[in-house]
Amino acid sequence: MPNVVRNVVKVKGLSELKGIFYQPKSRTIDFNTIIPEPKTPNDCHEKYILGDDKKCREGIGLQEQDGKPWFNWYDWHMDNWGCKWNVMDGSRPDPDTVIFETANTCPYPIIAKISKIAGDEILVLETTDLDGDMYRTYRMEWVNGYNTKAEVIVTDPDTGEETVKELEVHAGYAMY
């Protein structure tokens, strides 16, 4: 079972953005709608093509996905979405907010793409994961596809005490 990362995205007009939700009334986002997987080997960079060799697939422990025995979905997802699977669970508490869970990591390339689609509107991301016995929440602001501000909030589970540290942002990405 993977560690679960909780992601909260807030941006004015989120529900009106094109190419974010699989269906207009959907409860959550769909990564494959935002950054689509390749459908055929011709659409795919060669580094994500395994071929039809079953031994190759078994050798790296990769299950076939969606009838694409040639597709190295794990590496493609990590490189293009920033996490290995699509959204695991999600909700939309209001038209400008979506909350969703991912496995192990925050999908930063997906966040960057949503921010780029949102343009000049400030996108606020809060992503929380469990790091040992300490909960860490990263709060970031994104504009036009770039991370412009970031801080980390570390909460001690025993005392509930929070420590906030501002992070440097270089070339559009926070330095952790």
C-alpha atoms as a PDB file:
ATOM      1  CA  MET A   1       0.000   0.000   0.000  1.00  0.00           C
ATOM      2  CA  PRO A   2       1.524   3.340  -0.988  1.00  0.00           C
ATOM      3  CA  ASN A   3       1.784   6.394   1.207  1.00  0.00           C
ATOM      4  CA  VAL A   4      -1.166   8.619   0.444  1.00  0.00           C
ATOM      5  CA  VAL A   5      -0.582  12.270  -0.414  1.00  0.00           C
ATOM      6  CA  ARG A   6      -3.505  14.661   0.023  1.00  0.00           C
ATOM      7  CA  ASN A   7      -3.578  17.525  -2.483  1.00  0.00           C
ATOM      8  CA  VAL A   8      -5.807  20.601  -2.216  1.00  0.00           C
ATOM      9  CA  VAL A   9      -5.923  22.903  -5.267  1.00  0.00           C
ATOM     10  CA  LYS A  10      -7.680  26.272  -5.123  1.00  0.00           C
ATOM     11  CA  VAL A  11      -7.945  28.664  -8.054  1.00  0.00           C
ATOM     12  CA  LYS A  12     -10.649  31.149  -8.994  1.00  0.00           C
ATOM     13  CA  GLY A  13     -12.771  29.750 -11.831  1.00  0.00           C
ATOM     14  CA  LEU A  14     -11.423  26.184 -11.484  1.00  0.00           C
ATOM     15  CA  SER A  15     -14.701  24.547 -12.496  1.00  0.00           C
ATOM     16  CA  GLU A  16     -14.758  26.623 -15.716  1.00  0.00           C
ATOM     17  CA  LEU A  17     -11.245  25.695 -16.876  1.00  0.00           C
ATOM     18  CA  LYS A  18     -11.194  23.605 -20.051  1.00  0.00           C
ATOM     19  CA  GLY A  19      -9.329  20.308 -20.048  1.00  0.00           C
ATOM     20  CA  ILE A  20      -9.214  19.731 -16.297  1.00  0.00           C
ATOM     21  CA  PHE A  21     -12.211  17.559 -15.491  1.00  0.00           C
ATOM     22  CA  TYR A  22     -13.123  14.387 -17.342  1.00  0.00           C
ATOM     23  CA  GLN A  23     -16.744  15.475 -17.236  1.00  0.00           C
ATOM     24  CA  PRO A  24     -18.072  18.947 -16.287  1.00  0.00           C
ATOM     25  CA  LYS A  25     -19.801  17.725 -13.093  1.00  0.00           C
ATOM     26  CA  SER A  26     -17.010  15.313 -12.133  1.00  0.00           C
ATOM     27  CA  ARG A  27     -16.027  15.216  -8.456  1.00  0.00           C
ATOM     28  CA  THR A  28     -12.336  15.306  -9.211  1.00  0.00           C
ATOM     29  CA  ILE A  29      -9.709  15.845 -11.865  1.00  0.00           C
ATOM     30  CA  ASP A  30      -8.403  13.241 -14.282  1.00  0.00           C
ATOM     31  CA  PHE A  31      -4.686  13.350 -15.052  1.00  0.00           C
ATOM     32  CA  ASN A  32      -5.252  11.601 -18.371  1.00  0.00           C
ATOM     33  CA  THR A  33      -7.509  14.499 -19.418  1.00  0.00           C
ATOM     34  CA  ILE A  34      -4.894  17.095 -18.399  1.00  0.00           C
ATOM     35  CA  ILE A  35      -1.784  15.337 -19.784  1.00  0.00           C
ATOM     36  CA  PRO A  36      -2.992  12.384 -21.904  1.00  0.00           C
ATOM     37  CA  GLU A  37      -1.090   9.111 -22.078  1.00  0.00           C
ATOM     38  CA  PRO A  38       0.069   8.040 -25.529  1.00  0.00           C
ATOM     39  CA  LYS A  39      -2.478   5.816 -27.265  1.00  0.00           C
ATOM     40  CA  THR A  40      -0.113   4.016 -29.648  1.00  0.00           C
ATOM     41  CA  PRO A  41       3.639   3.381 -29.866  1.00  0.00           C
ATOM     42  CA  ASN A  42       3.746   6.013 -32.649  1.00  0.00           C
ATOM     43  CA  ASP A  43       2.508   8.652 -30.138  1.00  0.00           C
ATOM     44  CA  CYS A  44       5.075   7.624 -27.561  1.00  0.00           C
ATOM     45  CA  HIS A  45       8.734   8.527 -26.982  1.00  0.00           C
ATOM     46  CA  GLU A  46      10.892   5.437 -27.479  1.00  0.00           C
ATOM     47  CA  LYS A  47      12.085   5.418 -23.861  1.00  0.00           C
ATOM     48  CA  TYR A  48       8.548   4.403 -22.799  1.00  0.00           C
ATOM     49  CA  ILE A  49       8.185   1.573 -25.312  1.00  0.00           C
ATOM     50  CA  LEU A  50       8.862  -1.914 -23.970  1.00  0.00           C
ATOM     51  CA  GLY A  51       7.879  -3.905 -27.008  1.00  0.00           C
ATOM     52  CA  ASP A  52       5.711  -6.990 -26.783  1.00  0.00           C
ATOM     53  CA  ASP A  53       8.249  -9.080 -24.907  1.00  0.00           C
ATOM     54  CA  LYS A  54       6.439 -10.569 -21.897  1.00  0.00           C
ATOM     55  CA  LYS A  55       9.796 -11.405 -20.252  1.00  0.00           C
ATOM     56  CA  CYS A  56      10.810  -7.741 -20.419  1.00  0.00           C
ATOM     57  CA  ARG A  57       7.601  -6.693 -18.659  1.00  0.00           C
ATOM     58  CA  GLU A  58       7.879  -9.400 -16.012  1.00  0.00           C
ATOM     59  CA  GLY A  59      11.574  -8.598 -15.478  1.00  0.00           C
ATOM     60  CA  ILE A  60      10.749  -5.075 -14.317  1.00  0.00           C
ATOM     61  CA  GLY A  61       7.574  -6.116 -12.457  1.00  0.00           C
ATOM     62  CA  LEU A  62       5.254  -3.989 -14.584  1.00  0.00           C
ATOM     63  CA  GLN A  63       1.611  -4.946 -15.080  1.00  0.00           C
ATOM     64  CA  GLU A  64       0.026  -4.384 -18.472  1.00  0.00           C
ATOM     65  CA  GLN A  65      -2.288  -1.376 -18.523  1.00  0.00           C
ATOM     66  CA  ASP A  66      -5.337  -0.802 -20.716  1.00  0.00           C
ATOM     67  CA  GLY A  67      -4.350  -3.371 -23.340  1.00  0.00           C
ATOM     68  CA  LYS A  68      -1.038  -1.634 -24.081  1.00  0.00           C
ATOM     69  CA  PRO A  69       1.607  -4.348 -23.653  1.00  0.00           C
ATOM     70  CA  TRP A  70       4.213  -2.071 -25.270  1.00  0.00           C
ATOM     71  CA  PHE A  71       3.743   0.802 -22.794  1.00  0.00           C
ATOM     72  CA  ASN A  72       6.033   1.471 -19.800  1.00  0.00           C
ATOM     73  CA  TRP A  73       3.281   3.362 -17.983  1.00  0.00           C
ATOM     74  CA  TYR A  74       5.163   3.630 -14.672  1.00  0.00           C
ATOM     75  CA  ASP A  75       8.084   5.681 -16.021  1.00  0.00           C
ATOM     76  CA  TRP A  76       5.764   7.694 -18.284  1.00  0.00           C
ATOM     77  CA  HIS A  77       3.466   8.552 -15.346  1.00  0.00           C
ATOM     78  CA  MET A  78       6.393   9.525 -13.103  1.00  0.00           C
ATOM     79  CA  ASP A  79       7.954  11.728 -15.798  1.00  0.00           C
ATOM     80  CA  ASN A  80       4.738  13.330 -17.082  1.00  0.00           C
ATOM     81  CA  TRP A  81       2.354  13.308 -14.115  1.00  0.00           C
ATOM     82  CA  GLY A  82       4.828  13.236 -11.222  1.00  0.00           C
ATOM     83  CA  CYS A  83       3.217  10.174  -9.596  1.00  0.00           C
ATOM     84  CA  LYS A  84       2.624   6.564 -10.560  1.00  0.00           C
ATOM     85  CA  TRP A  85      -1.194   6.485 -10.677  1.00  0.00           C
ATOM     86  CA  ASN A  86      -4.080   8.744 -11.573  1.00  0.00           C
ATOM     87  CA  VAL A  87      -6.195  10.296  -8.799  1.00  0.00           C
ATOM     88  CA  MET A  88      -7.097   7.728  -6.126  1.00  0.00           C
ATOM     89  CA  ASP A  89      -9.972   9.634  -4.505  1.00  0.00           C
ATOM     90  CA  GLY A  90     -11.292  13.153  -4.746  1.00  0.00           C
ATOM     91  CA  SER A  91     -13.929  15.739  -4.008  1.00  0.00           C
ATOM     92  CA  ARG A  92     -14.953  19.264  -4.953  1.00  0.00           C
ATOM     93  CA  PRO A  93     -16.123  21.134  -1.829  1.00  0.00           C
ATOM     94  CA  ASP A  94     -16.751  24.298  -3.874  1.00  0.00           C
ATOM     95  CA  PRO A  95     -16.414  25.413  -7.532  1.00  0.00           C
ATOM     96  CA  ASP A  96     -12.904  26.809  -6.993  1.00  0.00           C
ATOM     97  CA  THR A  97     -11.428  23.881  -5.022  1.00  0.00           C
ATOM     98  CA  VAL A  98     -10.577  20.263  -5.748  1.00  0.00           C
ATOM     99  CA  ILE A  99      -9.187  17.834  -3.175  1.00  0.00           C
ATOM    100  CA  PHE A 100      -7.618  14.589  -4.335  1.00  0.00           C
ATOM    101  CA  GLU A 101      -5.268  11.850  -3.190  1.00  0.00           C
ATOM    102  CA  THR A 102      -2.274  10.427  -5.011  1.00  0.00           C
ATOM    103  CA  ALA A 103       0.211   7.640  -4.292  1.00  0.00           C
ATOM    104  CA  ASN A 104       3.551   8.632  -2.735  1.00  0.00           C
ATOM    105  CA  THR A 105       4.073  12.035  -4.396  1.00  0.00           C
ATOM    106  CA  CYS A 106       2.364  15.256  -5.433  1.00  0.00           C
ATOM    107  CA  PRO A 107       1.729  15.465  -9.188  1.00  0.00           C
ATOM    108  CA  TYR A 108       3.718  18.676  -9.774  1.00  0.00           C
ATOM    109  CA  PRO A 109       3.601  18.484 -13.614  1.00  0.00           C
ATOM    110  CA  ILE A 110      -0.213  18.258 -13.370  1.00  0.00           C
ATOM    111  CA  ILE A 111      -0.311  21.248 -11.005  1.00  0.00           C
ATOM    112  CA  ALA A 112       1.922  23.235 -13.369  1.00  0.00           C
ATOM    113  CA  LYS A 113      -0.379  22.429 -16.308  1.00  0.00           C
ATOM    114  CA  ILE A 114      -3.527  23.453 -14.380  1.00  0.00           C
ATOM    115  CA  SER A 115      -1.777  26.683 -13.385  1.00  0.00           C
ATOM    116  CA  LYS A 116      -0.794  27.325 -16.986  1.00  0.00           C
ATOM    117  CA  ILE A 117      -4.406  26.813 -18.100  1.00  0.00           C
ATOM    118  CA  ALA A 118      -5.562  29.169 -15.291  1.00  0.00           C
ATOM    119  CA  GLY A 119      -3.172  31.849 -16.585  1.00  0.00           C
ATOM    120  CA  ASP A 120      -2.816  34.899 -14.338  1.00  0.00           C
ATOM    121  CA  GLU A 121      -5.090  33.512 -11.610  1.00  0.00           C
ATOM    122  CA  ILE A 122      -3.111  32.444  -8.529  1.00  0.00           C
ATOM    123  CA  LEU A 123      -3.350  28.703  -7.912  1.00  0.00           C
ATOM    124  CA  VAL A 124      -2.802  27.681  -4.287  1.00  0.00           C
ATOM    125  CA  LEU A 125      -1.637  24.126  -3.687  1.00  0.00           C
ATOM    126  CA  GLU A 126      -1.468  22.431  -0.300  1.00  0.00           C
ATOM    127  CA  THR A 127       0.021  18.968  -0.436  1.00  0.00           C
ATOM    128  CA  THR A 128       0.421  16.839   2.706  1.00  0.00           C
ATOM    129  CA  ASP A 129       2.262  13.589   3.184  1.00  0.00           C
ATOM    130  CA  LEU A 130       3.440  11.542   6.147  1.00  0.00           C
ATOM    131  CA  ASP A 131       7.203  11.662   6.637  1.00  0.00           C
ATOM    132  CA  GLY A 132       8.037   9.283   9.444  1.00  0.00           C
ATOM    133  CA  ASP A 133       6.210  10.590  12.507  1.00  0.00           C
ATOM    134  CA  MET A 134       5.937  14.169  11.224  1.00  0.00           C
ATOM    135  CA  TYR A 135       3.234  15.511   8.939  1.00  0.00           C
ATOM    136  CA  ARG A 136       4.555  17.924   6.335  1.00  0.00           C
ATOM    137  CA  THR A 137       2.333  20.258   4.373  1.00  0.00           C
ATOM    138  CA  TYR A 138       3.768  22.190   1.471  1.00  0.00           C
ATOM    139  CA  ARG A 139       1.816  25.332   0.619  1.00  0.00           C
ATOM    140  CA  MET A 140       2.635  26.831  -2.761  1.00  0.00           C
ATOM    141  CA  GLU A 141       1.396  29.516  -5.099  1.00  0.00           C
ATOM    142  CA  TRP A 142       1.556  28.974  -8.862  1.00  0.00           C
ATOM    143  CA  VAL A 143       0.972  31.461 -11.704  1.00  0.00           C
ATOM    144  CA  ASN A 144       1.083  30.680 -15.451  1.00  0.00           C
ATOM    145  CA  GLY A 145       2.570  27.236 -14.806  1.00  0.00           C
ATOM    146  CA  TYR A 146       5.312  28.377 -12.409  1.00  0.00           C
ATOM    147  CA  ASN A 147       5.708  27.960  -8.672  1.00  0.00           C
ATOM    148  CA  THR A 148       6.157  31.522  -7.344  1.00  0.00           C
ATOM    149  CA  LYS A 149       6.030  31.038  -3.565  1.00  0.00           C
ATOM    150  CA  ALA A 150       6.467  28.049  -1.256  1.00  0.00           C
ATOM    151  CA  GLU A 151       6.581  27.166   2.415  1.00  0.00           C
ATOM    152  CA  VAL A 152       6.617  23.977   4.427  1.00  0.00           C
ATOM    153  CA  ILE A 153       4.574  23.461   7.577  1.00  0.00           C
ATOM    154  CA  VAL A 154       5.769  20.623   9.810  1.00  0.00           C
ATOM    155  CA  THR A 155       3.347  19.422  12.493  1.00  0.00           C
ATOM    156  CA  ASP A 156       4.531  17.317  15.416  1.00  0.00           C
ATOM    157  CA  PRO A 157       1.816  14.657  15.894  1.00  0.00           C
ATOM    158  CA  ASP A 158       2.444  14.427  19.645  1.00  0.00           C
ATOM    159  CA  THR A 159       2.259  18.125  20.504  1.00  0.00           C
ATOM    160  CA  GLY A 160       0.409  19.530  17.469  1.00  0.00           C
ATOM    161  CA  GLU A 161       3.091  22.211  17.293  1.00  0.00           C
ATOM    162  CA  GLU A 162       3.575  23.674  13.816  1.00  0.00           C
ATOM    163  CA  THR A 163       6.818  25.017  12.398  1.00  0.00           C
ATOM    164  CA  VAL A 164       6.625  27.105   9.198  1.00  0.00           C
ATOM    165  CA  LYS A 165       9.627  27.624   6.931  1.00  0.00           C
ATOM    166  CA  GLU A 166       9.648  29.631   3.712  1.00  0.00           C
ATOM    167  CA  LEU A 167      11.343  27.825   0.825  1.00  0.00           C
ATOM    168  CA  GLU A 168      13.366  29.346  -1.978  1.00  0.00           C
ATOM    169  CA  VAL A 169      11.863  29.109  -5.447  1.00  0.00           C
ATOM    170  CA  HIS A 170      14.315  28.762  -8.350  1.00  0.00           C
ATOM    171  CA  ALA A 171      13.365  28.414 -12.013  1.00  0.00           C
ATOM    172  CA  GLY A 172       9.729  27.945 -11.071  1.00  0.00           C
ATOM    173  CA  TYR A 173      10.229  25.096  -8.589  1.00  0.00           C
ATOM    174  CA  ALA A 174      10.543  25.190  -4.808  1.00  0.00           C
ATOM    175  CA  MET A 175      13.824  23.975  -3.344  1.00  0.00           C
ATOM    176  CA  TYR A 176      13.140  21.457  -0.557  1.00  0.00           C
END
